[in-house]
Protein backbone atom coordinates (compact mmCIF):
# COMPACT_ATOMS: atom_id res chain seq x y z
CA UNK A 1 75.70 86.21 35.71
CA UNK A 2 73.75 85.68 38.92
CA UNK A 3 70.42 87.50 38.60
CA UNK A 4 69.55 87.83 42.28
CA UNK A 5 71.27 87.33 45.62
CA UNK A 6 69.53 87.30 49.00
CA UNK A 7 72.12 88.35 51.57
CA UNK A 8 72.36 88.52 55.32
CA UNK A 9 69.31 86.49 56.35
CA UNK A 10 68.83 83.44 58.53
CA UNK A 11 68.24 80.82 55.84
CA UNK A 12 66.36 77.56 56.42
CA UNK A 13 67.62 74.78 54.13
CA UNK A 14 67.14 70.99 54.07
CA UNK A 15 70.52 70.54 55.77
CA UNK A 16 70.17 73.18 58.48
CA UNK A 17 69.70 76.81 59.41
CA UNK A 18 72.44 79.38 58.94
CA UNK A 19 73.49 82.84 57.87
CA UNK A 20 73.98 82.04 54.19
CA UNK A 21 73.58 83.92 50.92
CA UNK A 22 71.19 82.53 48.30
CA UNK A 23 71.96 82.92 44.60
CA UNK A 24 69.28 82.77 41.89
CA UNK A 25 69.63 82.51 38.14
CA UNK A 26 66.40 82.78 36.18
CA UNK A 27 63.76 80.76 38.01
CA UNK A 28 66.13 78.48 39.94
CA UNK A 29 68.30 78.57 43.03
CA UNK A 30 71.89 77.92 41.96
CA UNK A 31 73.83 78.27 45.21
CA UNK A 32 73.51 78.56 48.98
CA UNK A 33 76.89 79.89 50.10
CA UNK A 34 78.78 81.42 52.97
CA UNK A 35 78.03 85.09 53.34
CA UNK A 36 80.25 87.22 51.13
CA UNK A 37 81.55 84.32 49.05
CA UNK A 38 79.37 84.81 45.96
CA UNK A 39 80.60 86.86 42.98
CA UNK A 40 80.06 90.61 43.13
CA UNK A 41 78.73 90.72 39.56
CA UNK A 42 75.05 90.39 40.52
CA UNK A 43 71.93 91.76 38.89
CA UNK A 44 70.03 92.50 42.13
CA UNK A 45 70.79 92.17 45.83
CA UNK A 46 68.12 91.82 48.52
CA UNK A 47 69.25 92.74 52.01
CA UNK A 48 67.68 90.15 54.33
CA UNK A 49 69.49 91.23 57.50
CA UNK A 50 67.29 90.46 60.47
CA UNK A 51 64.90 88.37 58.37
CA UNK A 52 64.16 84.64 58.32
CA UNK A 53 64.46 83.22 54.79
CA UNK A 54 62.27 80.19 54.07
CA UNK A 55 60.90 78.29 51.06
CA UNK A 56 57.62 79.52 49.64
CA UNK A 57 54.64 77.94 51.35
CA UNK A 58 52.83 74.97 49.80
CA UNK A 59 49.10 74.87 50.55
CA UNK A 60 47.91 71.29 50.01
CA UNK A 61 44.16 71.86 50.48
CA UNK A 62 42.28 74.73 48.81
CA UNK A 63 38.76 74.83 47.34
CA UNK A 64 38.94 77.55 44.68
CA UNK A 65 35.96 78.63 42.55
CA UNK A 66 34.10 75.74 44.16
CA UNK A 67 30.33 75.39 44.63
CA UNK A 68 29.17 76.74 48.00
CA UNK A 69 27.23 74.00 49.76
CA UNK A 70 23.60 74.96 50.25
CA UNK A 71 23.84 78.02 47.99
CA UNK A 72 23.01 77.02 44.40
CA UNK A 73 24.85 79.11 41.83
CA UNK A 74 27.35 80.53 44.35
CA UNK A 75 31.08 79.84 44.24
CA UNK A 76 34.02 80.39 46.54
CA UNK A 77 36.60 82.99 45.53
CA UNK A 78 38.21 82.47 42.08
CA UNK A 79 41.86 81.65 41.32
CA UNK A 80 43.00 85.24 40.77
CA UNK A 81 41.78 86.30 44.22
CA UNK A 82 42.99 83.29 46.18
CA UNK A 83 46.38 83.09 44.47
CA UNK A 84 47.01 86.81 44.93
CA UNK A 85 46.17 86.69 48.63
CA UNK A 86 48.33 83.58 49.01
CA UNK A 87 51.38 85.47 47.74
CA UNK A 88 50.82 88.25 50.27
CA UNK A 89 50.86 85.56 52.95
CA UNK A 90 53.97 83.73 51.75
CA UNK A 91 52.34 80.79 49.95
CA UNK A 92 53.66 80.28 46.42
CA UNK A 93 51.96 77.00 45.46
CA UNK A 94 48.27 76.08 45.85
CA UNK A 95 46.66 72.69 45.27
CA UNK A 96 42.99 72.90 44.25
CA UNK A 97 40.45 70.16 43.37
CA UNK A 98 39.14 68.92 40.03
CA UNK A 99 35.71 67.48 40.84
CA UNK A 100 34.57 64.26 39.16
CA UNK A 101 30.82 63.86 39.52
CA UNK A 102 28.85 60.74 38.59
CA UNK A 103 28.72 60.44 34.82
CA UNK A 104 31.79 62.59 34.17
CA UNK A 105 35.47 61.78 33.69
CA UNK A 106 38.74 62.76 35.30
CA UNK A 107 39.82 64.27 31.97
CA UNK A 108 36.78 66.57 31.81
CA UNK A 109 37.24 67.61 35.45
CA UNK A 110 40.85 68.59 34.77
CA UNK A 111 39.81 70.51 31.66
CA UNK A 112 37.28 72.49 33.72
CA UNK A 113 39.97 73.46 36.24
CA UNK A 114 42.40 74.37 33.49
CA UNK A 115 39.79 76.75 32.14
CA UNK A 116 39.49 78.48 35.48
CA UNK A 117 43.19 78.67 36.41
CA UNK A 118 45.14 79.20 33.19
CA UNK A 119 46.08 82.88 32.90
CA UNK A 120 44.39 83.71 36.21
CA UNK A 121 47.04 82.55 38.69
CA UNK A 122 49.40 84.80 40.60
CA UNK A 123 51.08 81.75 42.17
CA UNK A 124 51.86 78.22 40.98
CA UNK A 125 49.11 75.64 41.24
CA UNK A 126 47.98 72.06 40.74
CA UNK A 127 44.91 69.87 41.22
CA UNK A 128 43.89 66.88 43.25
CA UNK A 129 41.17 64.70 41.75
CA UNK A 130 38.02 64.73 43.92
CA UNK A 131 35.81 61.69 43.38
CA UNK A 132 32.14 61.89 44.32
CA UNK A 133 29.89 58.81 44.50
CA UNK A 134 29.17 56.54 43.00
CA UNK A 135 32.65 56.10 41.53
CA UNK A 136 32.26 54.55 38.08
CA UNK A 137 34.16 51.41 37.12
CA UNK A 138 35.95 53.13 34.22
CA UNK A 139 37.06 55.93 36.58
CA UNK A 140 38.55 53.39 38.98
CA UNK A 141 40.30 51.65 36.11
CA UNK A 142 41.91 52.91 33.91
CA UNK A 143 41.30 56.63 34.64
CA UNK A 144 42.96 56.66 38.08
CA UNK A 145 46.12 55.09 36.69
CA UNK A 146 46.13 57.39 33.66
CA UNK A 147 45.72 60.45 35.88
CA UNK A 148 48.75 59.47 37.98
CA UNK A 149 50.80 58.94 34.83
CA UNK A 150 49.71 62.36 33.54
CA UNK A 151 50.96 64.15 36.68
CA UNK A 152 47.80 64.15 38.82
CA UNK A 153 48.77 61.62 41.51
CA UNK A 154 46.45 62.60 44.39
CA UNK A 155 42.78 61.81 44.88
CA UNK A 156 40.23 62.84 47.48
CA UNK A 157 37.08 61.18 48.77
CA UNK A 158 34.58 61.80 51.59
CA UNK A 159 33.22 59.21 53.99
CA UNK A 160 30.33 61.56 54.84
CA UNK A 161 27.90 63.87 53.10
CA UNK A 162 29.03 66.46 55.72
CA UNK A 163 25.72 68.33 55.96
CA UNK A 164 22.17 66.94 56.38
CA UNK A 165 21.81 64.41 53.58
CA UNK A 166 18.54 65.84 52.25
CA UNK A 167 20.02 69.35 52.00
CA UNK A 168 23.29 68.71 50.18
CA UNK A 169 24.94 67.09 47.19
CA UNK A 170 25.84 63.50 47.94
CA UNK A 171 29.53 63.08 48.66
CA UNK A 172 29.89 59.93 50.75
CA UNK A 173 31.94 57.11 49.24
CA UNK A 174 31.04 53.72 50.71
CA UNK A 175 33.60 51.29 52.05
CA UNK A 176 33.35 48.99 49.03
CA UNK A 177 34.18 51.78 46.60
CA UNK A 178 36.86 52.98 49.02
CA UNK A 179 38.53 49.56 49.05
CA UNK A 180 38.54 49.34 45.25
CA UNK A 181 39.84 52.90 44.95
CA UNK A 182 42.61 52.23 47.46
CA UNK A 183 43.73 49.22 45.45
CA UNK A 184 43.92 51.32 42.28
CA UNK A 185 45.72 54.22 43.98
CA UNK A 186 48.21 51.86 45.60
CA UNK A 187 48.91 50.06 42.33
CA UNK A 188 49.43 53.40 40.57
CA UNK A 189 51.77 54.88 43.24
CA UNK A 190 49.30 57.67 43.99
CA UNK A 191 48.13 59.32 47.21
CA UNK A 192 44.59 59.13 48.63
CA UNK A 193 43.22 62.06 50.64
CA UNK A 194 40.27 61.31 52.92
CA UNK A 195 37.74 63.59 54.59
CA UNK A 196 36.96 61.08 57.29
CA UNK A 197 33.85 61.27 59.49
CA UNK A 198 31.35 58.52 60.26
CA UNK A 199 28.30 59.47 58.22
CA UNK A 200 25.87 57.35 60.24
CA UNK A 201 26.86 59.22 63.39
CA UNK A 202 26.81 62.61 61.67
CA UNK A 203 23.37 62.14 60.13
CA UNK A 204 21.98 60.60 63.32
CA UNK A 205 23.03 63.63 65.35
CA UNK A 206 21.57 66.05 62.79
CA UNK A 207 18.26 64.22 63.05
CA UNK A 208 18.36 63.84 66.84
CA UNK A 209 19.13 67.49 67.55
CA UNK A 210 16.52 68.60 65.03
CA UNK A 211 13.86 66.46 66.73
CA UNK A 212 14.92 67.88 70.10
CA UNK A 213 14.80 71.42 68.68
CA UNK A 214 18.45 71.97 69.60
CA UNK A 215 19.73 73.23 66.26
CA UNK A 216 21.85 76.13 67.50
CA UNK A 217 24.97 76.47 65.37
CA UNK A 218 27.23 76.32 68.41
CA UNK A 219 26.34 72.62 68.74
CA UNK A 220 28.31 71.76 65.60
CA UNK A 221 30.88 69.81 67.59
CA UNK A 222 28.09 67.53 68.85
CA UNK A 223 27.35 66.52 65.26
CA UNK A 224 30.90 66.46 63.90
CA UNK A 225 32.15 64.78 67.04
CA UNK A 226 35.32 63.27 68.44
CA UNK A 227 33.70 59.84 68.33
CA UNK A 228 32.84 60.24 64.66
CA UNK A 229 36.45 61.13 63.82
CA UNK A 230 37.81 58.29 65.92
CA UNK A 231 35.57 55.58 64.44
CA UNK A 232 35.92 56.77 60.86
CA UNK A 233 39.70 57.27 60.98
CA UNK A 234 40.24 53.78 62.33
CA UNK A 235 37.90 52.25 59.78
CA UNK A 236 39.60 54.01 56.87
CA UNK A 237 43.06 53.18 58.17
CA UNK A 238 42.10 49.54 58.59
CA UNK A 239 41.16 49.38 54.90
CA UNK A 240 44.42 51.16 54.08
CA UNK A 241 46.28 48.48 56.02
CA UNK A 242 44.54 45.76 54.00
CA UNK A 243 45.28 47.42 50.66
CA UNK A 244 48.65 49.02 51.39
CA UNK A 245 47.34 52.34 50.08
CA UNK A 246 49.10 55.55 51.15
CA UNK A 247 46.62 57.86 52.86
CA UNK A 248 46.61 61.56 53.71
CA UNK A 249 44.01 62.38 56.37
CA UNK A 250 42.76 65.91 55.78
CA UNK A 251 41.87 68.47 58.49
CA UNK A 252 42.49 66.39 61.63
CA UNK A 253 40.44 68.09 64.33
CA UNK A 254 40.45 65.82 67.40
CA UNK A 255 42.95 64.14 69.71
CA UNK A 256 41.46 60.78 68.72
CA UNK A 257 42.40 61.44 65.10
CA UNK A 258 45.97 62.19 66.12
CA UNK A 259 46.11 58.94 68.12
CA UNK A 260 44.81 56.87 65.21
CA UNK A 261 47.46 58.34 62.92
CA UNK A 262 50.20 57.72 65.48
CA UNK A 263 49.23 54.05 65.70
CA UNK A 264 49.11 53.60 61.93
CA UNK A 265 52.48 55.23 61.40
CA UNK A 266 53.85 53.13 64.24
CA UNK A 267 52.95 50.07 62.17
CA UNK A 268 55.03 51.44 59.29
CA UNK A 269 52.02 52.45 57.21
CA UNK A 270 52.39 55.34 54.71
CA UNK A 271 49.89 57.54 56.55
CA UNK A 272 50.11 61.34 56.57
CA UNK A 273 47.92 64.14 57.85
CA UNK A 274 47.21 67.82 58.12
CA UNK A 275 45.40 70.10 60.52
CA UNK A 276 44.15 73.64 59.97
CA UNK A 277 45.46 76.82 61.53
CA UNK A 278 42.00 77.81 62.76
CA UNK A 279 41.73 74.45 64.57
CA UNK A 280 44.91 75.13 66.54
CA UNK A 281 43.90 78.70 67.39
CA UNK A 282 40.29 78.38 68.60
CA UNK A 283 38.15 75.76 70.30
CA UNK A 284 34.39 75.11 70.12
CA UNK A 285 33.65 77.78 72.73
CA UNK A 286 34.34 80.35 69.99
CA UNK A 287 31.09 79.30 68.29
CA UNK A 288 29.19 81.01 71.12
CA UNK A 289 30.58 84.44 70.23
CA UNK A 290 28.29 86.81 68.28
CA UNK A 291 28.43 85.56 64.68
CA UNK A 292 30.57 82.69 65.98
CA UNK A 293 29.70 80.61 62.92
CA UNK A 294 32.44 82.61 61.21
CA UNK A 295 34.98 80.21 62.75
CA UNK A 296 33.42 77.09 61.30
CA UNK A 297 35.07 74.71 58.88
CA UNK A 298 33.80 71.14 58.41
CA UNK A 299 34.47 69.13 60.55
CA UNK A 300 34.02 71.34 63.61
CA UNK A 301 36.22 72.99 66.16
CA UNK A 302 36.59 70.72 69.16
CA UNK A 303 37.61 71.16 72.82
CA UNK A 304 40.59 72.97 74.30
CA UNK A 305 42.15 69.57 75.00
CA UNK A 306 41.86 68.73 71.31
CA UNK A 307 43.37 72.07 70.30
CA UNK A 308 46.40 71.40 72.47
CA UNK A 309 46.68 67.84 71.12
CA UNK A 310 46.81 69.22 67.58
CA UNK A 311 49.66 71.55 68.52
CA UNK A 312 51.49 68.67 70.14
CA UNK A 313 51.00 66.61 66.99
CA UNK A 314 52.41 69.43 64.86
CA UNK A 315 55.39 70.00 67.12
CA UNK A 316 56.32 66.32 67.49
CA UNK A 317 55.71 65.22 63.91
CA UNK A 318 52.52 63.17 64.22
CA UNK A 319 50.75 65.75 62.02
CA UNK A 320 52.70 66.61 58.90
CA UNK A 321 51.21 69.78 57.46
CA UNK A 322 49.37 72.98 58.32
CA UNK A 323 46.63 73.53 55.76
CA UNK A 324 43.58 75.76 55.42
CA UNK A 325 40.76 73.95 53.60
CA UNK A 326 40.50 77.34 51.85
CA UNK A 327 36.84 78.01 51.05
CA UNK A 328 36.47 81.75 50.74
CA UNK A 329 33.04 83.40 50.70
CA UNK A 330 31.79 86.89 51.48
CA UNK A 331 30.81 87.89 55.01
CA UNK A 332 27.14 87.91 53.99
CA UNK A 333 27.38 84.32 52.79
CA UNK A 334 29.42 83.23 55.79
CA UNK A 335 26.87 84.37 58.39
CA UNK A 336 23.77 83.59 56.32
CA UNK A 337 23.42 80.14 57.85
CA UNK A 338 22.68 80.36 61.56
CA UNK A 339 21.73 76.82 62.56
CA UNK A 340 23.23 73.35 62.49
CA UNK A 341 21.40 72.71 59.24
CA UNK A 342 22.66 75.59 57.14
CA UNK A 343 25.98 76.92 58.49
CA UNK A 344 28.50 77.66 55.72
CA UNK A 345 31.85 75.94 56.17
CA UNK A 346 35.28 77.23 55.25
CA UNK A 347 37.15 80.49 55.58
CA UNK A 348 39.70 82.64 53.77
CA UNK A 349 42.83 81.25 55.38
CA UNK A 350 45.42 80.88 52.59
CA UNK A 351 46.81 84.36 53.25
CA UNK A 352 47.24 83.86 57.00
CA UNK A 353 48.47 80.25 57.13
CA UNK A 354 52.23 80.85 57.01
CA UNK A 355 52.20 83.94 59.25
CA UNK A 356 49.92 82.46 61.91
CA UNK A 357 51.99 79.27 62.00
CA UNK A 358 55.14 81.34 62.49
CA UNK A 359 53.59 83.60 65.12
CA UNK A 360 51.79 80.89 67.10
CA UNK A 361 54.31 78.10 66.46
CA UNK A 362 57.77 79.65 66.33
CA UNK A 363 57.34 82.86 68.33
CA UNK A 364 54.87 81.60 70.94
CA UNK A 365 55.66 77.91 71.32
CA UNK A 366 59.31 77.63 70.30
CA UNK A 367 58.76 75.54 67.17
CA UNK A 368 62.10 75.18 65.41
CA UNK A 369 62.56 76.95 62.09
CA UNK A 370 63.25 73.58 60.46
CA UNK A 371 59.92 72.23 61.74
CA UNK A 372 58.14 75.42 60.68
CA UNK A 373 59.34 74.89 57.11
CA UNK A 374 58.25 71.25 57.22
CA UNK A 375 54.67 72.01 58.26
CA UNK A 376 54.18 75.02 55.95
CA UNK A 377 56.08 73.88 52.87
CA UNK A 378 58.37 70.90 52.51
CA UNK A 379 56.17 68.13 53.93
CA UNK A 380 53.24 69.00 51.68
CA UNK A 381 55.65 69.20 48.75
CA UNK A 382 57.03 65.74 49.55
CA UNK A 383 53.67 64.06 50.17
CA UNK A 384 52.01 65.53 47.08
CA UNK A 385 54.90 64.99 44.66
CA UNK A 386 56.41 68.47 44.30
CA UNK A 387 59.68 68.04 46.20
CA UNK A 388 62.45 69.15 45.74
CA UNK A 389 61.24 71.49 43.00
CA UNK A 390 59.07 73.08 45.69
CA UNK A 391 59.56 73.20 49.43
CA UNK A 392 63.33 73.63 49.60
CA UNK A 393 65.97 76.34 49.47
CA UNK A 394 68.59 74.27 47.66
CA UNK A 395 70.45 74.33 44.35
CA UNK A 396 68.14 73.18 41.57
CA UNK A 397 64.93 74.02 43.40
CA UNK A 398 62.52 76.67 42.14
CA UNK A 399 63.42 80.07 43.58
CA UNK A 400 60.23 80.31 45.66
CA UNK A 401 61.41 82.19 48.71
CA UNK A 402 59.73 84.12 51.53
CA UNK A 403 61.28 86.62 53.90
CA UNK A 404 59.70 86.78 57.35
CA UNK A 405 60.29 89.71 59.69
CA UNK A 406 60.39 88.19 63.19
CA UNK A 407 60.27 91.66 64.75
CA UNK A 408 56.77 92.55 63.58
CA UNK A 409 54.47 92.61 66.60
CA UNK A 410 50.94 93.95 66.26
CA UNK A 411 47.27 93.09 65.84
CA UNK A 412 46.18 92.25 62.33
CA UNK A 413 43.87 94.79 60.73
CA UNK A 414 41.69 95.01 57.64
CA UNK A 415 44.58 96.45 55.61
CA UNK A 416 46.56 93.24 56.20
CA UNK A 417 44.10 91.15 54.18
CA UNK A 418 43.71 90.98 50.41
CA UNK A 419 40.73 88.71 49.88
CA UNK A 420 37.02 88.80 50.74
CA UNK A 421 35.46 91.42 53.03
CA UNK A 422 36.24 89.77 56.36
CA UNK A 423 38.80 87.63 58.16
CA UNK A 424 38.51 85.62 61.34
CA UNK A 425 42.05 86.83 62.00
CA UNK A 426 41.14 90.53 62.24
CA UNK A 427 42.39 91.95 65.60
CA UNK A 428 44.45 88.79 66.17
CA UNK A 429 47.86 89.51 67.80
CA UNK A 430 50.87 88.29 65.82
CA UNK A 431 54.64 88.22 66.36
CA UNK A 432 56.48 87.76 63.06
CA UNK A 433 54.99 88.02 59.57
CA UNK A 434 55.94 87.53 55.87
CA UNK A 435 57.15 90.75 54.23
CA UNK A 436 58.49 89.57 50.85
CA UNK A 437 57.54 86.77 48.50
CA UNK A 438 59.59 85.57 45.51
CA UNK A 439 58.06 83.25 42.92
CA UNK A 440 60.53 81.42 40.67
CA UNK A 441 63.05 84.25 40.96
CA UNK A 442 60.60 87.15 40.60
CA UNK A 443 59.80 89.41 43.55
CA UNK A 444 56.00 89.34 43.53
CA UNK A 445 55.22 90.94 46.91
CA UNK A 446 57.39 93.45 48.73
CA UNK A 447 56.34 95.19 51.96
CA UNK A 448 52.66 95.04 51.10
CA UNK A 449 53.08 95.95 47.41
CA UNK A 450 51.90 93.50 44.78
CA UNK A 451 54.44 93.21 41.95
CA UNK A 452 53.17 89.99 40.39
CA UNK A 453 50.58 89.44 37.67
CA UNK A 454 47.90 86.78 37.03
CA UNK A 455 50.11 85.45 34.24
CA UNK A 456 52.93 84.52 36.66
CA UNK A 457 51.46 81.28 37.99
CA UNK A 458 52.33 77.96 36.34
CA UNK A 459 50.60 74.60 36.53
CA UNK A 460 52.79 72.05 38.38
CA UNK A 461 52.74 68.39 37.28
CA UNK A 462 53.53 66.03 40.16
CA UNK A 463 54.87 62.57 40.91
CA UNK A 464 54.93 61.11 44.41
CA UNK A 465 58.27 59.62 45.44
CA UNK A 466 58.23 55.83 45.88
CA UNK A 467 59.56 56.17 49.42
CA UNK A 468 56.55 58.31 50.40
CA UNK A 469 54.00 55.75 49.20
CA UNK A 470 55.81 52.77 50.72
CA UNK A 471 56.31 53.89 54.33
CA UNK A 472 55.87 56.92 56.61
CA UNK A 473 58.78 58.74 54.99
CA UNK A 474 57.82 62.32 55.93
């Protein structure tokens, strides 16, 4: 017997958009059929008339229970909080980071994450492997290959220490280590994620502005600049061209980054990218508002021209995914730093990602529903090795489904958020918002009511498709 049927909605599938019924047995989708053609012997029927029915969101970039830079002993929000808020916002799968520090192993980093997530996850989850310098020889080989074989195919590095070098944990991976890592990732059919800024430029500007006594936080875009993104992206992509390594450029923030990615993909390179929904909503002028540091995520907001370029990249396909760089702190922690040297990055965006993309993309800019699904779900699933189990409403896929009410039109208020004690999206006008979330066949959120539990989330092993690592297939 069919356990659940979603009837009457506008359903977005890999082959098109239409008024179909979706049948679910257990945790899987078993049919997408013409309305009224499914058997009447059904356990539960959900009336989706007037709703848009899409795959559950896949968030490819979340820092959960992670150390807060510059605040020893402090962590970002834990799995139970972030995963619960994600479900309210229509995201059913989160990808976190297992951090490998010098002297440790990939295996121990994964074990640490398992200890934090297992039994504390409202949604499904997985981990990228974050490698901090200096990357040890035995991590490069054989641990990278072994991690890919074990279902952890994605790795992240930084080309910058991000904050003033003397005030932060070292993160920057040099170009020699990067080249060796790319060779190992390419040989293992993995995916390399890169936080790409030119560290020489970043550190120089920190020092210059400090000497000039111009350390106001609203100058962040002068440190984390367009030039830095341009130079670093092109340098990283040149090494990727030499090694053949597939690369996913995280949080693209400038028009120059978009252009570098366009050129690389035009050469047939397997290069992918994301931007963040705060980057496409605000520009650097927002930093000048009272407590304007609340908008900051590293790198920085850029100009209005850059904001528009990011939207164009999302609409046309040059940027593949909308992410958040989820890094949730309290309001007190977020506004504690008030200069260039101590501003806290990140924000609590996992809950708002899908809804803001729908409101600003589909309702405001005419983004197609098919493209909306690509940037919020299916592209991340493809790039990170989850597709078609995740990211698709199709027979055989997990029954991760979200209903969006396109008629909701209001300003977001405190009651719309389920994590932390603030949101940069408070008082933001929206048109269309998620109202129901289904995780592997179970209704876990319905009209603002949480029906899921922290035992619902499962760890997701991954394997990146050969087509994705060989050419720009997404």
